[in-house]
Amino acid sequence: IRIGPLDPAMVGERLLFSAFHVLRGQELWASDGTLAGTAMVKDIRSGFQGSFPSGHVLHDGALYFAADDGESGFELWKSDATAAGTRRVADIRAGREGSMPTALTVWRDRLVFVADDGASGFQIWETRGDAASTRRLGPANGMRAAPFDTSGRTDGGAGPFDTSGRAE
């Protein structure tokens, strides 16, 4: 059982992390380093089940993560460390099953991740932080059978995100 705090990351002057609360379950929390300044950012999934935020990645001043709001399944979310600034980025797979975003990575100044839209299987996606800019890039290296590459390239090379088989 994961209790937390997990996946800590700084957003501005606040430390964001996933932690368990007995009445709210696993949710996103923030702290300024004091007990008084530590609180849940947003109760994404009301009730004791929690949203289980995971896969935290910092990009462009926000924390991106996967979470389950209890209605849309696991989808991509972002937070600026405020309740008002914590929201679902896009509902990639409509319905309760969710797209299960994983392998969140910053690559060439964009956020890329693997998700399942329910029609194409696990594919590589990108976003600029809103539903309008969230789009499927295609299968990794043109291979439907391999949903993502774990080589961890950070040198700006083609890596797993080139769907044409050539460098961009």
C-alpha atoms as a PDB file:
ATOM      1  CA  ILE A   1       0.000   0.000   0.000  1.00  0.00           C
ATOM      2  CA  ARG A   2       1.329   3.427  -0.963  1.00  0.00           C
ATOM      3  CA  ILE A   3       0.761   5.936   1.803  1.00  0.00           C
ATOM      4  CA  GLY A   4       3.004   8.860   0.777  1.00  0.00           C
ATOM      5  CA  PRO A   5       4.247  11.449   0.572  1.00  0.00           C
ATOM      6  CA  LEU A   6       5.244  10.425  -2.935  1.00  0.00           C
ATOM      7  CA  ASP A   7       6.703  12.110  -6.020  1.00  0.00           C
ATOM      8  CA  PRO A   8       7.653  15.483  -4.470  1.00  0.00           C
ATOM      9  CA  ALA A   9       8.220  18.378  -6.887  1.00  0.00           C
ATOM     10  CA  MET A  10       8.612  22.148  -6.467  1.00  0.00           C
ATOM     11  CA  VAL A  11       6.114  24.413  -8.222  1.00  0.00           C
ATOM     12  CA  GLY A  12       7.097  27.969  -7.468  1.00  0.00           C
ATOM     13  CA  GLU A  13       7.700  28.189  -3.721  1.00  0.00           C
ATOM     14  CA  ARG A  14       5.518  25.195  -2.884  1.00  0.00           C
ATOM     15  CA  LEU A  15       6.368  21.510  -2.665  1.00  0.00           C
ATOM     16  CA  LEU A  16       3.681  19.354  -4.295  1.00  0.00           C
ATOM     17  CA  PHE A  17       3.369  15.668  -3.466  1.00  0.00           C
ATOM     18  CA  SER A  18       0.880  12.829  -3.317  1.00  0.00           C
ATOM     19  CA  ALA A  19      -0.169  11.774   0.190  1.00  0.00           C
ATOM     20  CA  PHE A  20      -2.819   9.708   1.929  1.00  0.00           C
ATOM     21  CA  HIS A  21      -5.552  11.113   4.175  1.00  0.00           C
ATOM     22  CA  VAL A  22      -7.783   8.678   6.052  1.00  0.00           C
ATOM     23  CA  LEU A  23     -11.003  10.455   4.949  1.00  0.00           C
ATOM     24  CA  ARG A  24      -9.934  11.608   1.473  1.00  0.00           C
ATOM     25  CA  GLY A  25      -7.612   8.845   0.250  1.00  0.00           C
ATOM     26  CA  GLN A  26      -4.500   9.564  -1.835  1.00  0.00           C
ATOM     27  CA  GLU A  27      -4.623  13.139  -3.188  1.00  0.00           C
ATOM     28  CA  LEU A  28      -2.344  16.010  -4.263  1.00  0.00           C
ATOM     29  CA  TRP A  29      -0.922  18.087  -1.388  1.00  0.00           C
ATOM     30  CA  ALA A  30       1.274  21.200  -1.190  1.00  0.00           C
ATOM     31  CA  SER A  31       3.535  22.649   1.468  1.00  0.00           C
ATOM     32  CA  ASP A  32       5.471  25.844   2.002  1.00  0.00           C
ATOM     33  CA  GLY A  33       7.650  23.978   4.497  1.00  0.00           C
ATOM     34  CA  THR A  34       5.522  24.706   7.564  1.00  0.00           C
ATOM     35  CA  LEU A  35       2.816  22.659   9.222  1.00  0.00           C
ATOM     36  CA  ALA A  36       0.345  25.540   8.852  1.00  0.00           C
ATOM     37  CA  GLY A  37       1.237  25.885   5.174  1.00  0.00           C
ATOM     38  CA  THR A  38       0.682  22.194   4.329  1.00  0.00           C
ATOM     39  CA  ALA A  39      -2.712  21.201   2.936  1.00  0.00           C
ATOM     40  CA  MET A  40      -4.455  19.205   0.257  1.00  0.00           C
ATOM     41  CA  VAL A  41      -4.413  21.175  -3.000  1.00  0.00           C
ATOM     42  CA  LYS A  42      -7.685  19.798  -4.330  1.00  0.00           C
ATOM     43  CA  ASP A  43      -9.932  16.858  -3.522  1.00  0.00           C
ATOM     44  CA  ILE A  44      -9.918  15.521  -7.089  1.00  0.00           C
ATOM     45  CA  ARG A  45     -11.955  12.457  -6.184  1.00  0.00           C
ATOM     46  CA  SER A  46     -14.300  13.149  -3.305  1.00  0.00           C
ATOM     47  CA  GLY A  47     -14.591  10.503  -0.641  1.00  0.00           C
ATOM     48  CA  PHE A  48     -12.178   8.068   0.908  1.00  0.00           C
ATOM     49  CA  GLN A  49     -11.049   6.394  -2.340  1.00  0.00           C
ATOM     50  CA  GLY A  50      -8.827   9.258  -3.512  1.00  0.00           C
ATOM     51  CA  SER A  51      -7.590  10.100  -7.007  1.00  0.00           C
ATOM     52  CA  PHE A  52      -4.130   8.494  -6.650  1.00  0.00           C
ATOM     53  CA  PRO A  53      -2.107  11.200  -8.454  1.00  0.00           C
ATOM     54  CA  SER A  54       1.004   9.624  -9.959  1.00  0.00           C
ATOM     55  CA  GLY A  55       3.723  10.072 -12.545  1.00  0.00           C
ATOM     56  CA  HIS A  56       4.478  13.660 -11.501  1.00  0.00           C
ATOM     57  CA  VAL A  57       6.462  15.664 -14.062  1.00  0.00           C
ATOM     58  CA  LEU A  58       7.270  19.388 -14.000  1.00  0.00           C
ATOM     59  CA  HIS A  59       6.772  21.316 -17.229  1.00  0.00           C
ATOM     60  CA  ASP A  60       6.334  24.994 -17.981  1.00  0.00           C
ATOM     61  CA  GLY A  61       5.692  26.013 -14.356  1.00  0.00           C
ATOM     62  CA  ALA A  62       3.113  23.318 -13.630  1.00  0.00           C
ATOM     63  CA  LEU A  63       3.017  19.791 -12.298  1.00  0.00           C
ATOM     64  CA  TYR A  64       1.518  17.232 -14.681  1.00  0.00           C
ATOM     65  CA  PHE A  65       0.251  13.892 -13.398  1.00  0.00           C
ATOM     66  CA  ALA A  66      -2.276  11.118 -13.941  1.00  0.00           C
ATOM     67  CA  ALA A  67      -5.289  11.018 -11.596  1.00  0.00           C
ATOM     68  CA  ASP A  68      -8.733   9.429 -11.383  1.00  0.00           C
ATOM     69  CA  ASP A  69     -11.613  11.779 -10.546  1.00  0.00           C
ATOM     70  CA  GLY A  70     -14.052   8.862 -10.157  1.00  0.00           C
ATOM     71  CA  GLU A  71     -15.964   9.794 -13.315  1.00  0.00           C
ATOM     72  CA  SER A  72     -13.414   9.852 -16.156  1.00  0.00           C
ATOM     73  CA  GLY A  73     -10.947   7.226 -14.993  1.00  0.00           C
ATOM     74  CA  PHE A  74      -7.219   8.007 -14.998  1.00  0.00           C
ATOM     75  CA  GLU A  75      -6.566  11.027 -17.227  1.00  0.00           C
ATOM     76  CA  LEU A  76      -3.881  13.712 -17.512  1.00  0.00           C
ATOM     77  CA  TRP A  77      -4.071  16.560 -14.968  1.00  0.00           C
ATOM     78  CA  LYS A  78      -1.997  19.646 -14.187  1.00  0.00           C
ATOM     79  CA  SER A  79      -1.562  21.877 -11.156  1.00  0.00           C
ATOM     80  CA  ASP A  80      -0.010  25.244 -10.367  1.00  0.00           C
ATOM     81  CA  ALA A  81      -0.258  24.401  -6.621  1.00  0.00           C
ATOM     82  CA  THR A  82      -3.688  26.053  -6.207  1.00  0.00           C
ATOM     83  CA  ALA A  83      -7.142  24.458  -6.173  1.00  0.00           C
ATOM     84  CA  ALA A  84      -8.316  26.746  -8.996  1.00  0.00           C
ATOM     85  CA  GLY A  85      -5.223  25.918 -11.061  1.00  0.00           C
ATOM     86  CA  THR A  86      -5.578  22.143 -10.648  1.00  0.00           C
ATOM     87  CA  ARG A  87      -7.600  20.697 -13.496  1.00  0.00           C
ATOM     88  CA  ARG A  88      -7.882  17.857 -15.958  1.00  0.00           C
ATOM     89  CA  VAL A  89      -5.951  18.649 -19.133  1.00  0.00           C
ATOM     90  CA  ALA A  90      -8.041  16.504 -21.475  1.00  0.00           C
ATOM     91  CA  ASP A  91     -10.484  13.607 -21.414  1.00  0.00           C
ATOM     92  CA  ILE A  92      -8.621  11.456 -23.936  1.00  0.00           C
ATOM     93  CA  ARG A  93     -10.776   8.382 -23.408  1.00  0.00           C
ATOM     94  CA  ALA A  94     -14.381   9.265 -22.647  1.00  0.00           C
ATOM     95  CA  GLY A  95     -16.059   7.212 -19.964  1.00  0.00           C
ATOM     96  CA  ARG A  96     -15.007   5.748 -16.641  1.00  0.00           C
ATOM     97  CA  GLU A  97     -12.156   3.625 -18.007  1.00  0.00           C
ATOM     98  CA  GLY A  98      -9.796   6.547 -18.677  1.00  0.00           C
ATOM     99  CA  SER A  99      -6.755   6.760 -20.944  1.00  0.00           C
ATOM    100  CA  MET A 100      -4.222   5.678 -18.282  1.00  0.00           C
ATOM    101  CA  PRO A 101      -1.514   8.260 -19.135  1.00  0.00           C
ATOM    102  CA  THR A 102       1.963   7.051 -18.272  1.00  0.00           C
ATOM    103  CA  ALA A 103       5.621   7.700 -19.125  1.00  0.00           C
ATOM    104  CA  LEU A 104       5.125  11.484 -18.801  1.00  0.00           C
ATOM    105  CA  THR A 105       8.272  13.094 -20.185  1.00  0.00           C
ATOM    106  CA  VAL A 106       9.433  16.562 -21.159  1.00  0.00           C
ATOM    107  CA  TRP A 107      11.014  16.323 -24.585  1.00  0.00           C
ATOM    108  CA  ARG A 108      11.974  19.207 -26.892  1.00  0.00           C
ATOM    109  CA  ASP A 109      10.055  21.704 -24.731  1.00  0.00           C
ATOM    110  CA  ARG A 110       6.814  19.751 -24.863  1.00  0.00           C
ATOM    111  CA  LEU A 111       5.100  17.264 -22.619  1.00  0.00           C
ATOM    112  CA  VAL A 112       4.782  13.851 -24.219  1.00  0.00           C
ATOM    113  CA  PHE A 113       3.203  10.774 -22.705  1.00  0.00           C
ATOM    114  CA  VAL A 114       1.671   7.417 -23.539  1.00  0.00           C
ATOM    115  CA  ALA A 115      -2.111   6.987 -23.335  1.00  0.00           C
ATOM    116  CA  ASP A 116      -4.912   4.816 -24.690  1.00  0.00           C
ATOM    117  CA  ASP A 117      -7.828   6.612 -26.383  1.00  0.00           C
ATOM    118  CA  GLY A 118      -9.855   3.397 -26.481  1.00  0.00           C
ATOM    119  CA  ALA A 119      -9.572   3.071 -30.268  1.00  0.00           C
ATOM    120  CA  SER A 120      -5.864   3.000 -31.137  1.00  0.00           C
ATOM    121  CA  GLY A 121      -4.336   1.300 -28.108  1.00  0.00           C
ATOM    122  CA  PHE A 122      -1.446   2.865 -26.230  1.00  0.00           C
ATOM    123  CA  GLN A 123       0.074   5.617 -28.347  1.00  0.00           C
ATOM    124  CA  ILE A 124       2.351   8.614 -27.865  1.00  0.00           C
ATOM    125  CA  TRP A 125       0.579  11.916 -27.203  1.00  0.00           C
ATOM    126  CA  GLU A 126       1.659  15.499 -26.635  1.00  0.00           C
ATOM    127  CA  THR A 127       0.085  18.512 -24.960  1.00  0.00           C
ATOM    128  CA  ARG A 128       0.756  22.177 -24.362  1.00  0.00           C
ATOM    129  CA  GLY A 129      -1.425  22.005 -21.241  1.00  0.00           C
ATOM    130  CA  ASP A 130      -5.000  22.207 -22.516  1.00  0.00           C
ATOM    131  CA  ALA A 131      -7.514  20.001 -24.319  1.00  0.00           C
ATOM    132  CA  ALA A 132      -7.192  21.913 -27.606  1.00  0.00           C
ATOM    133  CA  SER A 133      -3.445  21.247 -27.866  1.00  0.00           C
ATOM    134  CA  THR A 134      -3.561  17.610 -26.748  1.00  0.00           C
ATOM    135  CA  ARG A 135      -3.062  15.327 -29.717  1.00  0.00           C
ATOM    136  CA  ARG A 136      -1.965  11.832 -30.599  1.00  0.00           C
ATOM    137  CA  LEU A 137       1.420  11.655 -32.289  1.00  0.00           C
ATOM    138  CA  GLY A 138       1.173   8.012 -33.229  1.00  0.00           C
ATOM    139  CA  PRO A 139       2.823   4.743 -32.332  1.00  0.00           C
ATOM    140  CA  ALA A 140       6.384   4.669 -31.064  1.00  0.00           C
ATOM    141  CA  ASN A 141       8.858   4.291 -33.944  1.00  0.00           C
ATOM    142  CA  GLY A 142       5.995   3.242 -36.226  1.00  0.00           C
ATOM    143  CA  MET A 143       5.413   0.064 -34.192  1.00  0.00           C
ATOM    144  CA  ARG A 144       1.921  -0.583 -32.825  1.00  0.00           C
ATOM    145  CA  ALA A 145       3.221  -3.366 -30.601  1.00  0.00           C
ATOM    146  CA  ALA A 146       5.597  -1.124 -28.631  1.00  0.00           C
ATOM    147  CA  PRO A 147       3.648   1.595 -26.791  1.00  0.00           C
ATOM    148  CA  PHE A 148       6.738   3.378 -25.465  1.00  0.00           C
ATOM    149  CA  ASP A 149      10.495   3.327 -25.329  1.00  0.00           C
ATOM    150  CA  THR A 150      12.223   3.387 -21.960  1.00  0.00           C
ATOM    151  CA  SER A 151      15.650   4.300 -23.289  1.00  0.00           C
ATOM    152  CA  GLY A 152      15.493   7.601 -21.370  1.00  0.00           C
ATOM    153  CA  ARG A 153      17.029   9.743 -24.127  1.00  0.00           C
ATOM    154  CA  THR A 154      17.418  13.366 -23.112  1.00  0.00           C
ATOM    155  CA  ASP A 155      19.759  14.527 -25.889  1.00  0.00           C
ATOM    156  CA  GLY A 156      17.035  15.800 -28.232  1.00  0.00           C
ATOM    157  CA  GLY A 157      17.537  12.912 -30.664  1.00  0.00           C
ATOM    158  CA  ALA A 158      14.663  11.195 -32.424  1.00  0.00           C
ATOM    159  CA  GLY A 159      14.271   8.742 -29.563  1.00  0.00           C
ATOM    160  CA  PRO A 160      10.913   7.039 -29.107  1.00  0.00           C
ATOM    161  CA  PHE A 161       8.871  10.029 -30.273  1.00  0.00           C
ATOM    162  CA  ASP A 162       9.715   9.952 -33.970  1.00  0.00           C
ATOM    163  CA  THR A 163       6.757   8.232 -35.598  1.00  0.00           C
ATOM    164  CA  SER A 164       8.145   8.465 -39.126  1.00  0.00           C
ATOM    165  CA  GLY A 165      11.359   6.532 -38.522  1.00  0.00           C
ATOM    166  CA  ARG A 166      13.517   9.641 -39.067  1.00  0.00           C
ATOM    167  CA  ALA A 167      14.701  12.530 -36.940  1.00  0.00           C
ATOM    168  CA  GLU A 168      12.396  15.541 -36.838  1.00  0.00           C
END
